[in-house]
Amino acid sequence: MTCLHGKTAFISGGSRGIGLAIAQRLAKDGVNLMITASNQAHLEVVVNDLQAHSTAQVSSHSTDLRSIAGCETAFAAHQNEYGVCDILIHSAGATKGGIFPTQPDEDFIDGFALKFHAGVRLSRLFWPMLKLAKGNVIMIVGGAARTPDHTFMVGSSVNAALANYSKALAGQGLLDDVNVNWISPGQTETARLQNLLAKRAQDEGKTVNAVRQESIQNEGIRRLGRPEDVAELVCFLCEDKSRHIHGSGIAIDGGATKGYF
């Protein structure tokens, strides 16, 4: 039995990709979960699988976190189910790639709505519970926060904003004894990455495999990341022994970020 056994976590974007890997890892450690996503069918499959492979209690709520109302209904579902929250993981947010200056304004608005504003709203809603539990907040940001790319301007901008907000929230966390950190995965093997690679291949007139290999070579890394890489770090940060790690942004990118900061 781990030190996380019996704790309760809320995970946005928990039905696929990195969010799903985090849900699977926390459930393995006996953490009770509330998973949110926009696709009810995906959620049902995930909940059934998690319940079949762990002893944790797993619940879900389908909603659109782009709106205040969507965040509020997700919080209400968690509150009604558990009444407490020890861990808040914000992993939702599939920002779009594109070519400037033809990328539409709507892509920027949508990117900030789901990843940035939802992160702000969820942390505000859950803060009283987290303060009572002396809990943990972990934002899944992205490497583009520090290494912006002209083909990924939306993600670069949104990630930078969320990282900055997380650092500020950590200051409040010192006052209220809530640990706050953020993780910046590099290119990670998810369905979302495949969509981004396909979009870039279309824009540049190349094959998806060619773009994929170029990405690995350009970043000078051995391989692309895996969702499980991030999930392991999330579990570590949520343990009591990691309590002194606070207000930190940690990259998991295989060494892709070459700068010191």
C-alpha atoms as a PDB file:
ATOM      1  CA  MET A   1       0.000   0.000   0.000  1.00  0.00           C
ATOM      2  CA  THR A   2       1.455   3.369  -1.036  1.00  0.00           C
ATOM      3  CA  CYS A   3       1.230   6.685   0.804  1.00  0.00           C
ATOM      4  CA  LEU A   4      -1.257   7.876  -1.824  1.00  0.00           C
ATOM      5  CA  HIS A   5      -3.719   5.068  -1.109  1.00  0.00           C
ATOM      6  CA  GLY A   6      -7.141   6.438  -0.167  1.00  0.00           C
ATOM      7  CA  LYS A   7      -6.492   9.969  -1.417  1.00  0.00           C
ATOM      8  CA  THR A   8      -8.812  11.611  -3.927  1.00  0.00           C
ATOM      9  CA  ALA A   9      -7.859  13.237  -7.216  1.00  0.00           C
ATOM     10  CA  PHE A  10      -9.595  15.239  -9.912  1.00  0.00           C
ATOM     11  CA  ILE A  11      -8.129  14.867 -13.403  1.00  0.00           C
ATOM     12  CA  SER A  12      -9.200  17.023 -16.340  1.00  0.00           C
ATOM     13  CA  GLY A  13      -8.609  15.513 -19.743  1.00  0.00           C
ATOM     14  CA  GLY A  14      -8.309  12.074 -18.176  1.00  0.00           C
ATOM     15  CA  SER A  15      -9.812   9.944 -20.928  1.00  0.00           C
ATOM     16  CA  ARG A  16      -6.802   9.833 -23.262  1.00  0.00           C
ATOM     17  CA  GLY A  17      -3.120  10.601 -23.690  1.00  0.00           C
ATOM     18  CA  ILE A  18      -1.154  11.943 -20.749  1.00  0.00           C
ATOM     19  CA  GLY A  19      -4.254  12.462 -18.606  1.00  0.00           C
ATOM     20  CA  LEU A  20      -5.246   8.823 -19.044  1.00  0.00           C
ATOM     21  CA  ALA A  21      -1.750   7.605 -18.150  1.00  0.00           C
ATOM     22  CA  ILE A  22      -1.885   9.695 -14.970  1.00  0.00           C
ATOM     23  CA  ALA A  23      -5.296   8.259 -14.089  1.00  0.00           C
ATOM     24  CA  GLN A  24      -4.016   4.719 -14.599  1.00  0.00           C
ATOM     25  CA  ARG A  25      -0.935   5.330 -12.463  1.00  0.00           C
ATOM     26  CA  LEU A  26      -2.836   6.987  -9.602  1.00  0.00           C
ATOM     27  CA  ALA A  27      -5.508   4.281  -9.631  1.00  0.00           C
ATOM     28  CA  LYS A  28      -2.744   1.689  -9.344  1.00  0.00           C
ATOM     29  CA  ASP A  29      -1.678   3.414  -6.123  1.00  0.00           C
ATOM     30  CA  GLY A  30      -5.228   3.324  -4.768  1.00  0.00           C
ATOM     31  CA  VAL A  31      -6.179   6.940  -5.408  1.00  0.00           C
ATOM     32  CA  ASN A  32      -9.909   7.537  -5.863  1.00  0.00           C
ATOM     33  CA  LEU A  33     -10.547   9.432  -9.083  1.00  0.00           C
ATOM     34  CA  MET A  34     -12.919  11.840 -10.754  1.00  0.00           C
ATOM     35  CA  ILE A  35     -12.076  12.007 -14.452  1.00  0.00           C
ATOM     36  CA  THR A  36     -13.496  14.629 -16.781  1.00  0.00           C
ATOM     37  CA  ALA A  37     -13.490  14.896 -20.556  1.00  0.00           C
ATOM     38  CA  SER A  38     -15.869  16.062 -23.254  1.00  0.00           C
ATOM     39  CA  ASN A  39     -16.533  12.620 -24.760  1.00  0.00           C
ATOM     40  CA  GLN A  40     -18.853  10.494 -22.635  1.00  0.00           C
ATOM     41  CA  ALA A  41     -18.166   7.311 -24.625  1.00  0.00           C
ATOM     42  CA  HIS A  42     -14.412   7.601 -24.032  1.00  0.00           C
ATOM     43  CA  LEU A  43     -15.011   8.196 -20.335  1.00  0.00           C
ATOM     44  CA  GLU A  44     -17.172   5.097 -19.960  1.00  0.00           C
ATOM     45  CA  VAL A  45     -14.492   2.889 -21.525  1.00  0.00           C
ATOM     46  CA  VAL A  46     -11.785   4.370 -19.296  1.00  0.00           C
ATOM     47  CA  VAL A  47     -13.814   4.038 -16.092  1.00  0.00           C
ATOM     48  CA  ASN A  48     -14.647   0.401 -16.806  1.00  0.00           C
ATOM     49  CA  ASP A  49     -11.000  -0.395 -17.523  1.00  0.00           C
ATOM     50  CA  LEU A  50      -9.696   1.371 -14.404  1.00  0.00           C
ATOM     51  CA  GLN A  51     -12.251  -0.318 -12.187  1.00  0.00           C
ATOM     52  CA  ALA A  52     -11.295  -3.695 -13.643  1.00  0.00           C
ATOM     53  CA  HIS A  53      -7.596  -3.212 -12.916  1.00  0.00           C
ATOM     54  CA  SER A  54      -7.556  -1.431  -9.552  1.00  0.00           C
ATOM     55  CA  THR A  55      -9.333  -1.229  -6.219  1.00  0.00           C
ATOM     56  CA  ALA A  56      -9.766   2.550  -6.482  1.00  0.00           C
ATOM     57  CA  GLN A  57     -13.137   4.199  -6.767  1.00  0.00           C
ATOM     58  CA  VAL A  58     -13.424   5.789 -10.199  1.00  0.00           C
ATOM     59  CA  SER A  59     -16.075   8.268 -11.293  1.00  0.00           C
ATOM     60  CA  SER A  60     -16.411  10.446 -14.361  1.00  0.00           C
ATOM     61  CA  HIS A  61     -18.171  13.532 -15.604  1.00  0.00           C
ATOM     62  CA  SER A  62     -18.579  14.629 -19.212  1.00  0.00           C
ATOM     63  CA  THR A  63     -18.423  18.396 -19.711  1.00  0.00           C
ATOM     64  CA  ASP A  64     -16.879  21.172 -21.784  1.00  0.00           C
ATOM     65  CA  LEU A  65     -14.314  22.917 -19.616  1.00  0.00           C
ATOM     66  CA  ARG A  66     -14.058  25.838 -22.029  1.00  0.00           C
ATOM     67  CA  SER A  67     -16.867  27.573 -20.148  1.00  0.00           C
ATOM     68  CA  ILE A  68     -17.308  28.631 -16.540  1.00  0.00           C
ATOM     69  CA  ALA A  69     -20.463  26.532 -16.376  1.00  0.00           C
ATOM     70  CA  GLY A  70     -18.565  23.457 -17.571  1.00  0.00           C
ATOM     71  CA  CYS A  71     -15.940  23.882 -14.854  1.00  0.00           C
ATOM     72  CA  GLU A  72     -18.603  24.449 -12.226  1.00  0.00           C
ATOM     73  CA  THR A  73     -20.538  21.296 -13.156  1.00  0.00           C
ATOM     74  CA  ALA A  74     -17.309  19.266 -13.064  1.00  0.00           C
ATOM     75  CA  PHE A  75     -16.500  20.604  -9.610  1.00  0.00           C
ATOM     76  CA  ALA A  76     -20.059  19.919  -8.422  1.00  0.00           C
ATOM     77  CA  ALA A  77     -19.840  16.333  -9.661  1.00  0.00           C
ATOM     78  CA  HIS A  78     -16.602  15.803  -7.729  1.00  0.00           C
ATOM     79  CA  GLN A  79     -17.967  17.493  -4.612  1.00  0.00           C
ATOM     80  CA  ASN A  80     -21.126  15.386  -4.655  1.00  0.00           C
ATOM     81  CA  GLU A  81     -19.163  12.171  -5.174  1.00  0.00           C
ATOM     82  CA  TYR A  82     -16.300  12.669  -2.701  1.00  0.00           C
ATOM     83  CA  GLY A  83     -16.609  15.911  -0.761  1.00  0.00           C
ATOM     84  CA  VAL A  84     -12.808  16.186  -0.539  1.00  0.00           C
ATOM     85  CA  CYS A  85      -9.902  16.676  -2.941  1.00  0.00           C
ATOM     86  CA  ASP A  86      -6.243  15.949  -2.257  1.00  0.00           C
ATOM     87  CA  ILE A  87      -4.904  16.241  -5.803  1.00  0.00           C
ATOM     88  CA  LEU A  88      -5.896  18.451  -8.725  1.00  0.00           C
ATOM     89  CA  ILE A  89      -4.408  17.523 -12.102  1.00  0.00           C
ATOM     90  CA  HIS A  90      -5.188  19.792 -15.055  1.00  0.00           C
ATOM     91  CA  SER A  91      -4.287  17.926 -18.237  1.00  0.00           C
ATOM     92  CA  ALA A  92      -7.014  19.127 -20.600  1.00  0.00           C
ATOM     93  CA  GLY A  93      -6.178  21.333 -23.545  1.00  0.00           C
ATOM     94  CA  ALA A  94      -5.440  20.320 -27.124  1.00  0.00           C
ATOM     95  CA  THR A  95      -4.149  23.523 -28.703  1.00  0.00           C
ATOM     96  CA  LYS A  96      -3.841  23.605 -32.493  1.00  0.00           C
ATOM     97  CA  GLY A  97      -0.858  23.976 -34.746  1.00  0.00           C
ATOM     98  CA  GLY A  98      -0.942  26.254 -37.762  1.00  0.00           C
ATOM     99  CA  ILE A  99       0.885  28.612 -40.086  1.00  0.00           C
ATOM    100  CA  PHE A 100       1.053  32.350 -39.384  1.00  0.00           C
ATOM    101  CA  PRO A 101      -0.526  34.649 -40.499  1.00  0.00           C
ATOM    102  CA  THR A 102      -3.336  32.491 -41.896  1.00  0.00           C
ATOM    103  CA  GLN A 103      -4.185  30.762 -38.605  1.00  0.00           C
ATOM    104  CA  PRO A 104      -7.624  32.022 -37.515  1.00  0.00           C
ATOM    105  CA  ASP A 105      -8.310  33.998 -34.369  1.00  0.00           C
ATOM    106  CA  GLU A 106     -10.648  31.243 -33.173  1.00  0.00           C
ATOM    107  CA  ASP A 107      -7.699  28.858 -32.683  1.00  0.00           C
ATOM    108  CA  PHE A 108      -6.138  31.224 -30.139  1.00  0.00           C
ATOM    109  CA  ILE A 109      -9.415  31.864 -28.329  1.00  0.00           C
ATOM    110  CA  ASP A 110     -10.196  28.138 -28.106  1.00  0.00           C
ATOM    111  CA  GLY A 111      -6.673  27.299 -26.928  1.00  0.00           C
ATOM    112  CA  PHE A 112      -6.803  29.758 -24.043  1.00  0.00           C
ATOM    113  CA  ALA A 113     -10.371  28.766 -23.106  1.00  0.00           C
ATOM    114  CA  LEU A 114      -9.674  25.082 -22.559  1.00  0.00           C
ATOM    115  CA  LYS A 115      -6.120  25.018 -21.277  1.00  0.00           C
ATOM    116  CA  PHE A 116      -5.522  28.335 -19.554  1.00  0.00           C
ATOM    117  CA  HIS A 117      -8.910  29.582 -18.358  1.00  0.00           C
ATOM    118  CA  ALA A 118     -10.062  26.107 -17.323  1.00  0.00           C
ATOM    119  CA  GLY A 119      -6.875  25.722 -15.271  1.00  0.00           C
ATOM    120  CA  VAL A 120      -7.544  29.009 -13.516  1.00  0.00           C
ATOM    121  CA  ARG A 121     -11.208  28.242 -12.879  1.00  0.00           C
ATOM    122  CA  LEU A 122     -10.652  24.693 -11.642  1.00  0.00           C
ATOM    123  CA  SER A 123      -7.895  25.691  -9.228  1.00  0.00           C
ATOM    124  CA  ARG A 124     -10.100  28.485  -7.865  1.00  0.00           C
ATOM    125  CA  LEU A 125     -13.076  26.149  -7.405  1.00  0.00           C
ATOM    126  CA  PHE A 126     -11.039  23.375  -5.770  1.00  0.00           C
ATOM    127  CA  TRP A 127      -8.800  25.624  -3.675  1.00  0.00           C
ATOM    128  CA  PRO A 128     -10.832  25.436  -0.421  1.00  0.00           C
ATOM    129  CA  MET A 129     -10.755  21.617  -0.575  1.00  0.00           C
ATOM    130  CA  LEU A 130      -7.063  21.590  -1.431  1.00  0.00           C
ATOM    131  CA  LYS A 131      -6.289  24.005   1.391  1.00  0.00           C
ATOM    132  CA  LEU A 132      -8.140  21.808   3.876  1.00  0.00           C
ATOM    133  CA  ALA A 133      -6.315  18.700   2.632  1.00  0.00           C
ATOM    134  CA  LYS A 134      -2.906  20.403   2.310  1.00  0.00           C
ATOM    135  CA  GLY A 135      -3.062  18.994  -1.166  1.00  0.00           C
ATOM    136  CA  ASN A 136      -1.303  19.162  -4.505  1.00  0.00           C
ATOM    137  CA  VAL A 137      -1.946  20.986  -7.775  1.00  0.00           C
ATOM    138  CA  ILE A 138      -0.125  19.839 -10.894  1.00  0.00           C
ATOM    139  CA  MET A 139      -0.610  21.600 -14.215  1.00  0.00           C
ATOM    140  CA  ILE A 140       0.389  19.750 -17.381  1.00  0.00           C
ATOM    141  CA  VAL A 141       1.817  22.592 -19.445  1.00  0.00           C
ATOM    142  CA  GLY A 142       4.199  21.828 -22.325  1.00  0.00           C
ATOM    143  CA  GLY A 143       7.728  22.398 -23.544  1.00  0.00           C
ATOM    144  CA  ALA A 144       6.586  25.101 -25.974  1.00  0.00           C
ATOM    145  CA  ALA A 145       6.203  27.402 -22.964  1.00  0.00           C
ATOM    146  CA  ARG A 146       9.993  27.888 -23.045  1.00  0.00           C
ATOM    147  CA  THR A 147      10.802  27.007 -26.651  1.00  0.00           C
ATOM    148  CA  PRO A 148       8.132  28.655 -28.852  1.00  0.00           C
ATOM    149  CA  ASP A 149       7.746  27.516 -32.447  1.00  0.00           C
ATOM    150  CA  HIS A 150       6.342  29.470 -35.370  1.00  0.00           C
ATOM    151  CA  THR A 151       4.233  26.442 -36.384  1.00  0.00           C
ATOM    152  CA  PHE A 152       2.780  26.119 -32.878  1.00  0.00           C
ATOM    153  CA  MET A 153       2.071  29.684 -31.819  1.00  0.00           C
ATOM    154  CA  VAL A 154      -1.182  28.896 -30.005  1.00  0.00           C
ATOM    155  CA  GLY A 155       0.346  26.186 -27.849  1.00  0.00           C
ATOM    156  CA  SER A 156       3.461  28.251 -27.194  1.00  0.00           C
ATOM    157  CA  SER A 157       1.424  31.218 -25.974  1.00  0.00           C
ATOM    158  CA  VAL A 158      -1.053  29.232 -23.898  1.00  0.00           C
ATOM    159  CA  ASN A 159       1.627  27.092 -22.273  1.00  0.00           C
ATOM    160  CA  ALA A 160       3.674  30.144 -21.317  1.00  0.00           C
ATOM    161  CA  ALA A 161       0.623  31.769 -19.752  1.00  0.00           C
ATOM    162  CA  LEU A 162      -0.303  28.643 -17.782  1.00  0.00           C
ATOM    163  CA  ALA A 163       3.258  28.199 -16.519  1.00  0.00           C
ATOM    164  CA  ASN A 164       3.346  31.830 -15.371  1.00  0.00           C
ATOM    165  CA  TYR A 165      -0.011  31.441 -13.635  1.00  0.00           C
ATOM    166  CA  SER A 166       1.173  28.237 -11.931  1.00  0.00           C
ATOM    167  CA  LYS A 167       4.224  30.018 -10.540  1.00  0.00           C
ATOM    168  CA  ALA A 168       2.008  32.755  -9.139  1.00  0.00           C
ATOM    169  CA  LEU A 169      -0.419  30.184  -7.716  1.00  0.00           C
ATOM    170  CA  ALA A 170       2.509  28.545  -5.943  1.00  0.00           C
ATOM    171  CA  GLY A 171       2.946  31.805  -4.037  1.00  0.00           C
ATOM    172  CA  GLN A 172      -0.605  31.476  -2.746  1.00  0.00           C
ATOM    173  CA  GLY A 173       0.142  27.847  -2.029  1.00  0.00           C
ATOM    174  CA  LEU A 174       2.863  28.868   0.408  1.00  0.00           C
ATOM    175  CA  LEU A 175       0.273  30.838   2.362  1.00  0.00           C
ATOM    176  CA  ASP A 176      -2.319  28.055   2.334  1.00  0.00           C
ATOM    177  CA  ASP A 177      -0.024  24.982   2.453  1.00  0.00           C
ATOM    178  CA  VAL A 178      -0.995  23.717  -0.995  1.00  0.00           C
ATOM    179  CA  ASN A 179       1.810  22.384  -3.167  1.00  0.00           C
ATOM    180  CA  VAL A 180       1.779  23.671  -6.742  1.00  0.00           C
ATOM    181  CA  ASN A 181       4.019  22.483  -9.575  1.00  0.00           C
ATOM    182  CA  TRP A 182       3.807  22.190 -13.320  1.00  0.00           C
ATOM    183  CA  ILE A 183       5.188  19.692 -15.790  1.00  0.00           C
ATOM    184  CA  SER A 184       6.259  20.498 -19.338  1.00  0.00           C
ATOM    185  CA  PRO A 185       6.278  17.359 -21.480  1.00  0.00           C
ATOM    186  CA  GLY A 186       8.131  17.457 -24.756  1.00  0.00           C
ATOM    187  CA  GLN A 187       6.757  15.722 -27.819  1.00  0.00           C
ATOM    188  CA  THR A 188       4.900  12.746 -26.411  1.00  0.00           C
ATOM    189  CA  GLU A 189       3.421   9.724 -28.179  1.00  0.00           C
ATOM    190  CA  THR A 190      -0.292  10.532 -27.996  1.00  0.00           C
ATOM    191  CA  ALA A 191      -3.145  10.746 -30.484  1.00  0.00           C
ATOM    192  CA  ARG A 192      -2.903  14.519 -30.182  1.00  0.00           C
ATOM    193  CA  LEU A 193       0.728  14.490 -31.298  1.00  0.00           C
ATOM    194  CA  GLN A 194      -0.215  12.381 -34.289  1.00  0.00           C
ATOM    195  CA  ASN A 195      -2.817  14.986 -35.244  1.00  0.00           C
ATOM    196  CA  LEU A 196      -0.249  17.777 -34.913  1.00  0.00           C
ATOM    197  CA  LEU A 197       2.247  15.861 -37.029  1.00  0.00           C
ATOM    198  CA  ALA A 198      -0.423  15.214 -39.652  1.00  0.00           C
ATOM    199  CA  LYS A 199      -1.351  18.904 -39.739  1.00  0.00           C
ATOM    200  CA  ARG A 200       2.286  19.936 -40.118  1.00  0.00           C
ATOM    201  CA  ALA A 201       2.836  17.313 -42.829  1.00  0.00           C
ATOM    202  CA  GLN A 202      -0.152  18.685 -44.737  1.00  0.00           C
ATOM    203  CA  ASP A 203       1.049  22.277 -44.375  1.00  0.00           C
ATOM    204  CA  GLU A 204       4.585  21.414 -45.518  1.00  0.00           C
ATOM    205  CA  GLY A 205       3.700  18.840 -48.185  1.00  0.00           C
ATOM    206  CA  LYS A 206       5.543  15.979 -46.476  1.00  0.00           C
ATOM    207  CA  THR A 207       4.673  12.548 -45.099  1.00  0.00           C
ATOM    208  CA  VAL A 208       3.804  12.187 -41.423  1.00  0.00           C
ATOM    209  CA  ASN A 209       6.733   9.828 -40.861  1.00  0.00           C
ATOM    210  CA  ALA A 210       9.145  12.306 -42.445  1.00  0.00           C
ATOM    211  CA  VAL A 211       7.915  15.084 -40.147  1.00  0.00           C
ATOM    212  CA  ARG A 212       8.128  12.765 -37.149  1.00  0.00           C
ATOM    213  CA  GLN A 213      11.748  11.797 -37.855  1.00  0.00           C
ATOM    214  CA  GLU A 214      12.652  15.424 -38.494  1.00  0.00           C
ATOM    215  CA  SER A 215      11.226  16.345 -35.099  1.00  0.00           C
ATOM    216  CA  ILE A 216      13.366  13.756 -33.322  1.00  0.00           C
ATOM    217  CA  GLN A 217      16.479  14.780 -35.225  1.00  0.00           C
ATOM    218  CA  ASN A 218      15.916  18.513 -34.829  1.00  0.00           C
ATOM    219  CA  GLU A 219      15.477  18.166 -31.069  1.00  0.00           C
ATOM    220  CA  GLY A 220      18.503  15.867 -30.782  1.00  0.00           C
ATOM    221  CA  ILE A 221      16.688  13.308 -28.631  1.00  0.00           C
ATOM    222  CA  ARG A 222      16.758   9.517 -28.526  1.00  0.00           C
ATOM    223  CA  ARG A 223      13.002   9.011 -28.741  1.00  0.00           C
ATOM    224  CA  LEU A 224       9.706  10.746 -28.305  1.00  0.00           C
ATOM    225  CA  GLY A 225       8.226  10.810 -24.841  1.00  0.00           C
ATOM    226  CA  ARG A 226       5.624   8.413 -23.528  1.00  0.00           C
ATOM    227  CA  PRO A 227       2.586   9.342 -21.410  1.00  0.00           C
ATOM    228  CA  GLU A 228       3.875   7.022 -18.681  1.00  0.00           C
ATOM    229  CA  ASP A 229       6.981   9.197 -18.300  1.00  0.00           C
ATOM    230  CA  VAL A 230       4.781  12.056 -17.107  1.00  0.00           C
ATOM    231  CA  ALA A 231       2.547   9.841 -14.973  1.00  0.00           C
ATOM    232  CA  GLU A 232       5.488   8.595 -12.921  1.00  0.00           C
ATOM    233  CA  LEU A 233       6.585  12.137 -12.127  1.00  0.00           C
ATOM    234  CA  VAL A 234       3.057  13.154 -11.162  1.00  0.00           C
ATOM    235  CA  CYS A 235       2.884  10.347  -8.603  1.00  0.00           C
ATOM    236  CA  PHE A 236       6.273  11.300  -7.181  1.00  0.00           C
ATOM    237  CA  LEU A 237       5.293  14.965  -6.809  1.00  0.00           C
ATOM    238  CA  CYS A 238       2.108  14.007  -4.962  1.00  0.00           C
ATOM    239  CA  GLU A 239       3.943  11.997  -2.299  1.00  0.00           C
ATOM    240  CA  ASP A 240       4.818  13.510   1.070  1.00  0.00           C
ATOM    241  CA  LYS A 241       8.527  12.967   0.498  1.00  0.00           C
ATOM    242  CA  SER A 242       8.364  15.427  -2.413  1.00  0.00           C
ATOM    243  CA  ARG A 243       6.728  18.211  -0.416  1.00  0.00           C
ATOM    244  CA  HIS A 244       9.746  20.523  -0.630  1.00  0.00           C
ATOM    245  CA  ILE A 245       9.457  20.530  -4.434  1.00  0.00           C
ATOM    246  CA  HIS A 246       7.151  23.509  -4.793  1.00  0.00           C
ATOM    247  CA  GLY A 247       6.635  26.199  -7.427  1.00  0.00           C
ATOM    248  CA  SER A 248       8.743  24.226  -9.893  1.00  0.00           C
ATOM    249  CA  GLY A 249       8.352  23.673 -13.610  1.00  0.00           C
ATOM    250  CA  ILE A 250       9.871  20.343 -14.591  1.00  0.00           C
ATOM    251  CA  ALA A 251      10.586  19.379 -18.192  1.00  0.00           C
ATOM    252  CA  ILE A 252      10.188  15.808 -19.414  1.00  0.00           C
ATOM    253  CA  ASP A 253      11.506  16.073 -22.943  1.00  0.00           C
ATOM    254  CA  GLY A 254      14.509  13.770 -23.250  1.00  0.00           C
ATOM    255  CA  GLY A 255      16.883  16.704 -23.277  1.00  0.00           C
ATOM    256  CA  ALA A 256      15.165  18.618 -26.080  1.00  0.00           C
ATOM    257  CA  THR A 257      15.306  21.929 -24.207  1.00  0.00           C
ATOM    258  CA  LYS A 258      18.899  23.042 -24.603  1.00  0.00           C
ATOM    259  CA  GLY A 259      18.766  26.291 -22.632  1.00  0.00           C
ATOM    260  CA  TYR A 260      19.758  26.505 -18.979  1.00  0.00           C
ATOM    261  CA  PHE A 261      16.467  28.122 -17.945  1.00  0.00           C
END
